[in-house]
Amino acid sequence: MRDLGQIRPVKYDVRDMDLLRKSLRGSNIVINLLGETFETKNFSYEDIHVNATKAIAAAAFSPRAFEE
């Protein structure tokens, strides 16, 4: 893959920064589509809408994020 216009779904955990950085490798763009209208036993609104967003942004701006 890794050609123009390719989408590569990957499994990750927003609480694991190393795994999050690894999931971004080879990407040119990161789009956060996380969002939920209810809380679960594992994630609160703040976990998804604040903490996960901050973690994704931090991983995307990490110097190691897009290394091959």
C-alpha atoms as a PDB file:
ATOM      1  CA  MET A   1       0.000   0.000   0.000  1.00  0.00           C
ATOM      2  CA  ARG A   2       1.439   3.364   1.035  1.00  0.00           C
ATOM      3  CA  ASP A   3       0.468   5.099  -2.157  1.00  0.00           C
ATOM      4  CA  LEU A   4      -1.458   8.303  -2.718  1.00  0.00           C
ATOM      5  CA  GLY A   5      -4.961   8.129  -1.293  1.00  0.00           C
ATOM      6  CA  GLN A   6      -4.505   4.905   0.654  1.00  0.00           C
ATOM      7  CA  ILE A   7      -6.254   4.329   3.970  1.00  0.00           C
ATOM      8  CA  ARG A   8      -4.671   1.880   6.369  1.00  0.00           C
ATOM      9  CA  PRO A   9      -6.795   1.005   9.411  1.00  0.00           C
ATOM     10  CA  VAL A  10      -4.672  -0.016  12.403  1.00  0.00           C
ATOM     11  CA  LYS A  11      -5.440  -1.156  15.929  1.00  0.00           C
ATOM     12  CA  TYR A  12      -4.020   0.985  18.691  1.00  0.00           C
ATOM     13  CA  ASP A  13      -4.644   2.047  22.271  1.00  0.00           C
ATOM     14  CA  VAL A  14      -4.692   5.804  22.896  1.00  0.00           C
ATOM     15  CA  ARG A  15      -3.294   5.161  26.376  1.00  0.00           C
ATOM     16  CA  ASP A  16      -0.134   3.510  24.980  1.00  0.00           C
ATOM     17  CA  MET A  17       2.024   6.293  23.473  1.00  0.00           C
ATOM     18  CA  ASP A  18       4.603   3.922  21.934  1.00  0.00           C
ATOM     19  CA  LEU A  19       1.882   1.900  20.206  1.00  0.00           C
ATOM     20  CA  LEU A  20       0.185   5.123  19.096  1.00  0.00           C
ATOM     21  CA  ARG A  21       3.438   6.423  17.556  1.00  0.00           C
ATOM     22  CA  LYS A  22       4.002   3.049  15.892  1.00  0.00           C
ATOM     23  CA  SER A  23       0.500   3.128  14.379  1.00  0.00           C
ATOM     24  CA  LEU A  24       1.306   6.516  12.766  1.00  0.00           C
ATOM     25  CA  ARG A  25       4.459   5.328  10.999  1.00  0.00           C
ATOM     26  CA  GLY A  26       4.213   5.703   7.254  1.00  0.00           C
ATOM     27  CA  SER A  27       1.379   8.242   7.488  1.00  0.00           C
ATOM     28  CA  ASN A  28       1.371  11.692   5.938  1.00  0.00           C
ATOM     29  CA  ILE A  29      -1.871  12.775   7.580  1.00  0.00           C
ATOM     30  CA  VAL A  30      -3.588  11.854  10.835  1.00  0.00           C
ATOM     31  CA  ILE A  31      -7.333  12.412  11.198  1.00  0.00           C
ATOM     32  CA  ASN A  32      -8.920  11.946  14.603  1.00  0.00           C
ATOM     33  CA  LEU A  33     -12.424  10.572  14.138  1.00  0.00           C
ATOM     34  CA  LEU A  34     -12.874   9.473  17.731  1.00  0.00           C
ATOM     35  CA  GLY A  35     -16.068  10.625  19.306  1.00  0.00           C
ATOM     36  CA  GLU A  36     -18.761   9.109  21.417  1.00  0.00           C
ATOM     37  CA  THR A  37     -22.146  10.210  22.692  1.00  0.00           C
ATOM     38  CA  PHE A  38     -22.020   8.036  25.802  1.00  0.00           C
ATOM     39  CA  GLU A  39     -19.460   6.932  28.372  1.00  0.00           C
ATOM     40  CA  THR A  40     -18.389   3.310  28.731  1.00  0.00           C
ATOM     41  CA  LYS A  41     -16.846   1.375  31.589  1.00  0.00           C
ATOM     42  CA  ASN A  42     -13.421   1.864  29.969  1.00  0.00           C
ATOM     43  CA  PHE A  43     -13.644   5.439  28.657  1.00  0.00           C
ATOM     44  CA  SER A  44     -15.242   8.604  29.982  1.00  0.00           C
ATOM     45  CA  TYR A  45     -16.107  11.630  27.846  1.00  0.00           C
ATOM     46  CA  GLU A  46     -12.893  13.272  29.015  1.00  0.00           C
ATOM     47  CA  ASP A  47     -10.853  10.190  28.091  1.00  0.00           C
ATOM     48  CA  ILE A  48     -12.108  10.273  24.497  1.00  0.00           C
ATOM     49  CA  HIS A  49     -12.677  13.953  23.766  1.00  0.00           C
ATOM     50  CA  VAL A  50      -9.756  15.429  25.726  1.00  0.00           C
ATOM     51  CA  ASN A  51      -7.102  12.882  26.701  1.00  0.00           C
ATOM     52  CA  ALA A  52      -7.209  10.801  23.506  1.00  0.00           C
ATOM     53  CA  THR A  53      -7.173  13.924  21.339  1.00  0.00           C
ATOM     54  CA  LYS A  54      -4.134  15.260  23.193  1.00  0.00           C
ATOM     55  CA  ALA A  55      -2.359  11.899  22.912  1.00  0.00           C
ATOM     56  CA  ILE A  56      -3.011  11.636  19.160  1.00  0.00           C
ATOM     57  CA  ALA A  57      -1.795  15.198  18.603  1.00  0.00           C
ATOM     58  CA  ALA A  58       1.322  14.613  20.719  1.00  0.00           C
ATOM     59  CA  ALA A  59       2.122  11.381  18.873  1.00  0.00           C
ATOM     60  CA  ALA A  60       1.581  13.068  15.502  1.00  0.00           C
ATOM     61  CA  PHE A  61       3.964  15.888  16.411  1.00  0.00           C
ATOM     62  CA  SER A  62       6.564  13.491  17.820  1.00  0.00           C
ATOM     63  CA  PRO A  63       9.784  13.516  15.782  1.00  0.00           C
ATOM     64  CA  ARG A  64       9.650   9.702  15.674  1.00  0.00           C
ATOM     65  CA  ALA A  65       6.035   9.458  14.582  1.00  0.00           C
ATOM     66  CA  PHE A  66       6.491   9.299  10.827  1.00  0.00           C
ATOM     67  CA  GLU A  67       9.838   7.526  10.574  1.00  0.00           C
ATOM     68  CA  GLU A  68       9.821   4.449   8.385  1.00  0.00           C
END
